[in-house]
PDB file of N, CA and C in Angstrom:
ATOM      1  N   MET A   1     -19.785 -11.674 -36.402  1.00  0.00           N
ATOM      2  CA  MET A   1     -18.949 -10.603 -36.873  1.00  0.00           C
ATOM      3  C   MET A   1     -19.068  -9.424 -35.913  1.00  0.00           C
ATOM      4  N   LEU A   2     -17.955  -8.894 -35.485  1.00  0.00           N
ATOM      5  CA  LEU A   2     -17.946  -7.736 -34.612  1.00  0.00           C
ATOM      6  C   LEU A   2     -17.754  -6.477 -35.429  1.00  0.00           C
ATOM      7  N   ARG A   3     -18.573  -5.483 -35.174  1.00  0.00           N
ATOM      8  CA  ARG A   3     -18.391  -4.188 -35.814  1.00  0.00           C
ATOM      9  C   ARG A   3     -17.507  -3.341 -34.937  1.00  0.00           C
ATOM     10  N   ARG A   4     -16.915  -2.329 -35.510  1.00  0.00           N
ATOM     11  CA  ARG A   4     -16.111  -1.400 -34.732  1.00  0.00           C
ATOM     12  C   ARG A   4     -16.878  -0.093 -34.624  1.00  0.00           C
ATOM     13  N   ALA A   5     -16.968   0.410 -33.422  1.00  0.00           N
ATOM     14  CA  ALA A   5     -17.607   1.701 -33.187  1.00  0.00           C
ATOM     15  C   ALA A   5     -16.557   2.644 -32.636  1.00  0.00           C
ATOM     16  N   GLY A   6     -16.615   3.877 -33.063  1.00  0.00           N
ATOM     17  CA  GLY A   6     -15.633   4.856 -32.590  1.00  0.00           C
ATOM     18  C   GLY A   6     -16.298   5.938 -31.769  1.00  0.00           C
ATOM     19  N   CYS A   7     -15.598   6.417 -30.804  1.00  0.00           N
ATOM     20  CA  CYS A   7     -16.114   7.476 -29.947  1.00  0.00           C
ATOM     21  C   CYS A   7     -14.920   8.239 -29.399  1.00  0.00           C
ATOM     22  N   GLY A   8     -14.824   9.509 -29.711  1.00  0.00           N
ATOM     23  CA  GLY A   8     -13.732  10.299 -29.177  1.00  0.00           C
ATOM     24  C   GLY A   8     -12.364   9.845 -29.655  1.00  0.00           C
ATOM     25  N   GLY A   9     -12.293   9.281 -30.875  1.00  0.00           N
ATOM     26  CA  GLY A   9     -11.013   8.840 -31.403  1.00  0.00           C
ATOM     27  C   GLY A   9     -10.623   7.426 -31.009  1.00  0.00           C
ATOM     28  N   PHE A  10     -11.427   6.762 -30.186  1.00  0.00           N
ATOM     29  CA  PHE A  10     -11.127   5.396 -29.762  1.00  0.00           C
ATOM     30  C   PHE A  10     -12.039   4.430 -30.501  1.00  0.00           C
ATOM     31  N   GLU A  11     -11.552   3.231 -30.763  1.00  0.00           N
ATOM     32  CA  GLU A  11     -12.364   2.191 -31.367  1.00  0.00           C
ATOM     33  C   GLU A  11     -12.396   0.982 -30.446  1.00  0.00           C
ATOM     34  N   PHE A  12     -13.516   0.267 -30.463  1.00  0.00           N
ATOM     35  CA  PHE A  12     -13.657  -0.923 -29.639  1.00  0.00           C
ATOM     36  C   PHE A  12     -14.571  -1.897 -30.357  1.00  0.00           C
ATOM     37  N   PRO A  13     -14.441  -3.210 -30.099  1.00  0.00           N
ATOM     38  CA  PRO A  13     -15.336  -4.189 -30.725  1.00  0.00           C
ATOM     39  C   PRO A  13     -16.784  -3.888 -30.364  1.00  0.00           C
ATOM     40  N   GLN A  14     -17.677  -4.002 -31.325  1.00  0.00           N
ATOM     41  CA  GLN A  14     -19.079  -3.646 -31.107  1.00  0.00           C
ATOM     42  C   GLN A  14     -19.971  -4.827 -31.469  1.00  0.00           C
ATOM     43  N   PRO A  15     -20.245  -5.747 -30.530  1.00  0.00           N
ATOM     44  CA  PRO A  15     -21.067  -6.903 -30.847  1.00  0.00           C
ATOM     45  C   PRO A  15     -22.569  -6.651 -30.741  1.00  0.00           C
ATOM     46  N   ALA A  16     -23.004  -5.506 -30.253  1.00  0.00           N
ATOM     47  CA  ALA A  16     -24.428  -5.254 -30.054  1.00  0.00           C
ATOM     48  C   ALA A  16     -24.689  -3.751 -30.067  1.00  0.00           C
ATOM     49  N   ILE A  17     -25.912  -3.361 -29.704  1.00  0.00           N
ATOM     50  CA  ILE A  17     -26.231  -1.937 -29.637  1.00  0.00           C
ATOM     51  C   ILE A  17     -25.683  -1.355 -28.339  1.00  0.00           C
ATOM     52  N   ARG A  18     -25.366  -0.081 -28.353  1.00  0.00           N
ATOM     53  CA  ARG A  18     -24.800   0.589 -27.184  1.00  0.00           C
ATOM     54  C   ARG A  18     -25.451   1.953 -27.020  1.00  0.00           C
ATOM     55  N   ALA A  19     -25.247   2.569 -25.873  1.00  0.00           N
ATOM     56  CA  ALA A  19     -25.801   3.894 -25.575  1.00  0.00           C
ATOM     57  C   ALA A  19     -24.670   4.903 -25.432  1.00  0.00           C
ATOM     58  N   TYR A  20     -24.895   6.076 -26.012  1.00  0.00           N
ATOM     59  CA  TYR A  20     -23.953   7.190 -25.917  1.00  0.00           C
ATOM     60  C   TYR A  20     -24.671   8.395 -25.333  1.00  0.00           C
ATOM     61  N   SER A  21     -23.942   9.255 -24.655  1.00  0.00           N
ATOM     62  CA  SER A  21     -24.497  10.511 -24.182  1.00  0.00           C
ATOM     63  C   SER A  21     -24.484  11.506 -25.343  1.00  0.00           C
ATOM     64  N   PHE A  22     -25.148  12.644 -25.173  1.00  0.00           N
ATOM     65  CA  PHE A  22     -25.127  13.674 -26.206  1.00  0.00           C
ATOM     66  C   PHE A  22     -23.731  14.270 -26.366  1.00  0.00           C
ATOM     67  N   GLN A  23     -22.872  14.089 -25.374  1.00  0.00           N
ATOM     68  CA  GLN A  23     -21.489  14.556 -25.460  1.00  0.00           C
ATOM     69  C   GLN A  23     -20.594  13.546 -26.182  1.00  0.00           C
ATOM     70  N   GLY A  24     -21.139  12.376 -26.494  1.00  0.00           N
ATOM     71  CA  GLY A  24     -20.387  11.377 -27.243  1.00  0.00           C
ATOM     72  C   GLY A  24     -19.685  10.329 -26.406  1.00  0.00           C
ATOM     73  N   SER A  25     -19.933  10.299 -25.103  1.00  0.00           N
ATOM     74  CA  SER A  25     -19.272   9.290 -24.279  1.00  0.00           C
ATOM     75  C   SER A  25     -20.138   8.032 -24.176  1.00  0.00           C
ATOM     76  N   LEU A  26     -19.485   6.896 -24.189  1.00  0.00           N
ATOM     77  CA  LEU A  26     -20.153   5.599 -24.111  1.00  0.00           C
ATOM     78  C   LEU A  26     -20.633   5.342 -22.697  1.00  0.00           C
ATOM     79  N   ASP A  27     -21.851   4.810 -22.556  1.00  0.00           N
ATOM     80  CA  ASP A  27     -22.366   4.406 -21.250  1.00  0.00           C
ATOM     81  C   ASP A  27     -21.985   2.942 -21.033  1.00  0.00           C
ATOM     82  N   PRO A  28     -20.970   2.654 -20.224  1.00  0.00           N
ATOM     83  CA  PRO A  28     -20.509   1.273 -20.048  1.00  0.00           C
ATOM     84  C   PRO A  28     -21.488   0.389 -19.284  1.00  0.00           C
ATOM     85  N   ASN A  29     -22.458   0.975 -18.596  1.00  0.00           N
ATOM     86  CA  ASN A  29     -23.412   0.198 -17.805  1.00  0.00           C
ATOM     87  C   ASN A  29     -24.616  -0.267 -18.616  1.00  0.00           C
ATOM     88  N   TRP A  30     -24.815   0.292 -19.805  1.00  0.00           N
ATOM     89  CA  TRP A  30     -25.952  -0.086 -20.643  1.00  0.00           C
ATOM     90  C   TRP A  30     -25.438  -0.992 -21.745  1.00  0.00           C
ATOM     91  N   ASP A  31     -25.636  -2.299 -21.574  1.00  0.00           N
ATOM     92  CA  ASP A  31     -25.052  -3.274 -22.487  1.00  0.00           C
ATOM     93  C   ASP A  31     -25.959  -4.494 -22.619  1.00  0.00           C
ATOM     94  N   PRO A  32     -27.086  -4.366 -23.345  1.00  0.00           N
ATOM     95  CA  PRO A  32     -27.966  -5.522 -23.493  1.00  0.00           C
ATOM     96  C   PRO A  32     -27.274  -6.634 -24.276  1.00  0.00           C
ATOM     97  N   ALA A  33     -27.395  -7.851 -23.787  1.00  0.00           N
ATOM     98  CA  ALA A  33     -26.756  -9.007 -24.421  1.00  0.00           C
ATOM     99  C   ALA A  33     -27.787  -9.795 -25.211  1.00  0.00           C
ATOM    100  N   TYR A  34     -27.722  -9.704 -26.533  1.00  0.00           N
ATOM    101  CA  TYR A  34     -28.633 -10.431 -27.417  1.00  0.00           C
ATOM    102  C   TYR A  34     -28.049 -11.808 -27.699  1.00  0.00           C
ATOM    103  N   SER A  35     -28.910 -12.839 -27.693  1.00  0.00           N
ATOM    104  CA  SER A  35     -28.442 -14.189 -27.994  1.00  0.00           C
ATOM    105  C   SER A  35     -29.504 -14.940 -28.777  1.00  0.00           C
ATOM    106  N   GLY A  36     -29.091 -15.989 -29.419  1.00  0.00           N
ATOM    107  CA  GLY A  36     -29.968 -16.798 -30.251  1.00  0.00           C
ATOM    108  C   GLY A  36     -29.181 -17.310 -31.434  1.00  0.00           C
ATOM    109  N   SER A  37     -29.871 -17.782 -32.452  1.00  0.00           N
ATOM    110  CA  SER A  37     -29.200 -18.348 -33.621  1.00  0.00           C
ATOM    111  C   SER A  37     -28.258 -17.348 -34.287  1.00  0.00           C
ATOM    112  N   TYR A  38     -28.715 -16.101 -34.449  1.00  0.00           N
ATOM    113  CA  TYR A  38     -27.910 -15.108 -35.140  1.00  0.00           C
ATOM    114  C   TYR A  38     -27.634 -13.866 -34.291  1.00  0.00           C
ATOM    115  N   SER A  39     -28.490 -13.534 -33.357  1.00  0.00           N
ATOM    116  CA  SER A  39     -28.337 -12.373 -32.471  1.00  0.00           C
ATOM    117  C   SER A  39     -28.218 -11.066 -33.246  1.00  0.00           C
ATOM    118  N   LEU A  40     -29.081 -10.874 -34.235  1.00  0.00           N
ATOM    119  CA  LEU A  40     -29.067  -9.668 -35.060  1.00  0.00           C
ATOM    120  C   LEU A  40     -30.166  -8.697 -34.640  1.00  0.00           C
ATOM    121  N   VAL A  41     -29.851  -7.425 -34.604  1.00  0.00           N
ATOM    122  CA  VAL A  41     -30.841  -6.373 -34.355  1.00  0.00           C
ATOM    123  C   VAL A  41     -30.886  -5.508 -35.597  1.00  0.00           C
ATOM    124  N   TRP A  42     -32.087  -5.341 -36.188  1.00  0.00           N
ATOM    125  CA  TRP A  42     -32.171  -4.503 -37.380  1.00  0.00           C
ATOM    126  C   TRP A  42     -33.270  -3.450 -37.298  1.00  0.00           C
ATOM    127  N   GLU A  43     -34.010  -3.410 -36.211  1.00  0.00           N
ATOM    128  CA  GLU A  43     -35.032  -2.382 -36.034  1.00  0.00           C
ATOM    129  C   GLU A  43     -34.876  -1.713 -34.678  1.00  0.00           C
ATOM    130  N   LEU A  44     -34.946  -0.388 -34.664  1.00  0.00           N
ATOM    131  CA  LEU A  44     -34.892   0.401 -33.428  1.00  0.00           C
ATOM    132  C   LEU A  44     -35.992   1.438 -33.462  1.00  0.00           C
ATOM    133  N   HIS A  45     -36.680   1.609 -32.345  1.00  0.00           N
ATOM    134  CA  HIS A  45     -37.725   2.622 -32.224  1.00  0.00           C
ATOM    135  C   HIS A  45     -37.677   3.182 -30.803  1.00  0.00           C
ATOM    136  N   VAL A  46     -37.573   4.492 -30.683  1.00  0.00           N
ATOM    137  CA  VAL A  46     -37.515   5.138 -29.371  1.00  0.00           C
ATOM    138  C   VAL A  46     -38.900   5.630 -28.985  1.00  0.00           C
ATOM    139  N   GLU A  47     -39.293   5.350 -27.740  1.00  0.00           N
ATOM    140  CA  GLU A  47     -40.564   5.820 -27.188  1.00  0.00           C
ATOM    141  C   GLU A  47     -40.282   6.299 -25.763  1.00  0.00           C
ATOM    142  N   GLY A  48     -40.108   7.614 -25.599  1.00  0.00           N
ATOM    143  CA  GLY A  48     -39.746   8.144 -24.285  1.00  0.00           C
ATOM    144  C   GLY A  48     -38.387   7.632 -23.870  1.00  0.00           C
ATOM    145  N   LEU A  49     -38.311   6.989 -22.702  1.00  0.00           N
ATOM    146  CA  LEU A  49     -37.054   6.406 -22.236  1.00  0.00           C
ATOM    147  C   LEU A  49     -36.890   4.949 -22.653  1.00  0.00           C
ATOM    148  N   ARG A  50     -37.844   4.439 -23.422  1.00  0.00           N
ATOM    149  CA  ARG A  50     -37.802   3.043 -23.846  1.00  0.00           C
ATOM    150  C   ARG A  50     -37.258   2.915 -25.266  1.00  0.00           C
ATOM    151  N   LEU A  51     -36.511   1.844 -25.490  1.00  0.00           N
ATOM    152  CA  LEU A  51     -36.018   1.516 -26.820  1.00  0.00           C
ATOM    153  C   LEU A  51     -36.617   0.176 -27.216  1.00  0.00           C
ATOM    154  N   HIS A  52     -37.369   0.165 -28.299  1.00  0.00           N
ATOM    155  CA  HIS A  52     -37.928  -1.071 -28.837  1.00  0.00           C
ATOM    156  C   HIS A  52     -36.960  -1.594 -29.893  1.00  0.00           C
ATOM    157  N   THR A  53     -36.623  -2.869 -29.821  1.00  0.00           N
ATOM    158  CA  THR A  53     -35.724  -3.471 -30.795  1.00  0.00           C
ATOM    159  C   THR A  53     -36.394  -4.676 -31.434  1.00  0.00           C
ATOM    160  N   GLY A  54     -36.075  -4.891 -32.685  1.00  0.00           N
ATOM    161  CA  GLY A  54     -36.573  -6.050 -33.406  1.00  0.00           C
ATOM    162  C   GLY A  54     -35.433  -6.673 -34.187  1.00  0.00           C
ATOM    163  N   GLY A  55     -35.504  -7.960 -34.382  1.00  0.00           N
ATOM    164  CA  GLY A  55     -34.438  -8.622 -35.131  1.00  0.00           C
ATOM    165  C   GLY A  55     -34.533 -10.123 -35.020  1.00  0.00           C
ATOM    166  N   GLN A  56     -33.412 -10.760 -35.180  1.00  0.00           N
ATOM    167  CA  GLN A  56     -33.352 -12.218 -35.137  1.00  0.00           C
ATOM    168  C   GLN A  56     -32.572 -12.626 -33.894  1.00  0.00           C
ATOM    169  N   PHE A  57     -33.284 -12.678 -32.782  1.00  0.00           N
ATOM    170  CA  PHE A  57     -32.687 -13.067 -31.510  1.00  0.00           C
ATOM    171  C   PHE A  57     -33.745 -13.773 -30.675  1.00  0.00           C
ATOM    172  N   LYS A  58     -33.320 -14.506 -29.682  1.00  0.00           N
ATOM    173  CA  LYS A  58     -34.236 -15.262 -28.811  1.00  0.00           C
ATOM    174  C   LYS A  58     -34.260 -14.729 -27.383  1.00  0.00           C
ATOM    175  N   ARG A  59     -33.133 -14.186 -26.924  1.00  0.00           N
ATOM    176  CA  ARG A  59     -33.040 -13.709 -25.549  1.00  0.00           C
ATOM    177  C   ARG A  59     -32.286 -12.384 -25.525  1.00  0.00           C
ATOM    178  N   VAL A  60     -32.626 -11.558 -24.523  1.00  0.00           N
ATOM    179  CA  VAL A  60     -31.900 -10.314 -24.276  1.00  0.00           C
ATOM    180  C   VAL A  60     -31.555 -10.272 -22.797  1.00  0.00           C
ATOM    181  N   SER A  61     -30.278 -10.234 -22.507  1.00  0.00           N
ATOM    182  CA  SER A  61     -29.777 -10.226 -21.127  1.00  0.00           C
ATOM    183  C   SER A  61     -30.406 -11.341 -20.285  1.00  0.00           C
ATOM    184  N   GLY A  62     -30.544 -12.524 -20.888  1.00  0.00           N
ATOM    185  CA  GLY A  62     -31.042 -13.694 -20.179  1.00  0.00           C
ATOM    186  C   GLY A  62     -32.553 -13.852 -20.141  1.00  0.00           C
ATOM    187  N   VAL A  63     -33.305 -12.906 -20.716  1.00  0.00           N
ATOM    188  CA  VAL A  63     -34.773 -12.958 -20.702  1.00  0.00           C
ATOM    189  C   VAL A  63     -35.271 -13.329 -22.099  1.00  0.00           C
ATOM    190  N   THR A  64     -36.168 -14.316 -22.197  1.00  0.00           N
ATOM    191  CA  THR A  64     -36.719 -14.717 -23.486  1.00  0.00           C
ATOM    192  C   THR A  64     -37.513 -13.572 -24.098  1.00  0.00           C
ATOM    193  N   GLN A  65     -37.212 -13.232 -25.360  1.00  0.00           N
ATOM    194  CA  GLN A  65     -37.869 -12.121 -26.047  1.00  0.00           C
ATOM    195  C   GLN A  65     -38.421 -12.497 -27.408  1.00  0.00           C
ATOM    196  N   ASN A  66     -37.862 -13.479 -28.095  1.00  0.00           N
ATOM    197  CA  ASN A  66     -38.343 -13.952 -29.395  1.00  0.00           C
ATOM    198  C   ASN A  66     -38.523 -12.851 -30.437  1.00  0.00           C
ATOM    199  N   SER A  67     -37.437 -12.214 -30.789  1.00  0.00           N
ATOM    200  CA  SER A  67     -37.337 -11.266 -31.914  1.00  0.00           C
ATOM    201  C   SER A  67     -37.799  -9.853 -31.629  1.00  0.00           C
ATOM    202  N   LYS A  68     -38.423  -9.586 -30.491  1.00  0.00           N
ATOM    203  CA  LYS A  68     -38.822  -8.220 -30.129  1.00  0.00           C
ATOM    204  C   LYS A  68     -38.521  -7.992 -28.668  1.00  0.00           C
ATOM    205  N   ALA A  69     -37.985  -6.789 -28.360  1.00  0.00           N
ATOM    206  CA  ALA A  69     -37.681  -6.480 -26.970  1.00  0.00           C
ATOM    207  C   ALA A  69     -37.899  -4.997 -26.712  1.00  0.00           C
ATOM    208  N   ARG A  70     -38.340  -4.671 -25.510  1.00  0.00           N
ATOM    209  CA  ARG A  70     -38.478  -3.287 -25.087  1.00  0.00           C
ATOM    210  C   ARG A  70     -37.501  -3.077 -23.923  1.00  0.00           C
ATOM    211  N   LEU A  71     -36.575  -2.169 -24.123  1.00  0.00           N
ATOM    212  CA  LEU A  71     -35.524  -1.911 -23.134  1.00  0.00           C
ATOM    213  C   LEU A  71     -35.714  -0.544 -22.517  1.00  0.00           C
ATOM    214  N   SER A  72     -35.273  -0.397 -21.280  1.00  0.00           N
ATOM    215  CA  SER A  72     -35.287   0.888 -20.603  1.00  0.00           C
ATOM    216  C   SER A  72     -34.036   0.945 -19.718  1.00  0.00           C
ATOM    217  N   PRO A  73     -33.662   2.117 -19.232  1.00  0.00           N
ATOM    218  CA  PRO A  73     -32.485   2.180 -18.352  1.00  0.00           C
ATOM    219  C   PRO A  73     -32.603   1.251 -17.149  1.00  0.00           C
ATOM    220  N   ALA A  74     -33.800   1.075 -16.629  1.00  0.00           N
ATOM    221  CA  ALA A  74     -34.000   0.218 -15.445  1.00  0.00           C
ATOM    222  C   ALA A  74     -33.960  -1.277 -15.790  1.00  0.00           C
ATOM    223  N   SER A  75     -34.204  -1.643 -17.057  1.00  0.00           N
ATOM    224  CA  SER A  75     -34.278  -3.055 -17.406  1.00  0.00           C
ATOM    225  C   SER A  75     -32.919  -3.709 -17.538  1.00  0.00           C
ATOM    226  N   LEU A  76     -31.856  -2.918 -17.535  1.00  0.00           N
ATOM    227  CA  LEU A  76     -30.525  -3.503 -17.666  1.00  0.00           C
ATOM    228  C   LEU A  76     -29.817  -3.315 -16.393  1.00  0.00           C
TER     229      LEU A  76
END
């Protein structure tokens, strides 16, 4: 199921988590690809520039993660 996210009056399909600036613009270069049986993310925790995610997924952007992943701007 794709969710719809809106930004600045525009809507687009939202299959995963995304990054926005404080001005509300979408960062098109930050797009982690979750995959696995369900590819669900239900936990988010910010630590400095890192985002910790938890959920029901096996891989993130081609790297095996098994339900937990730590992302940073450099990791994508």
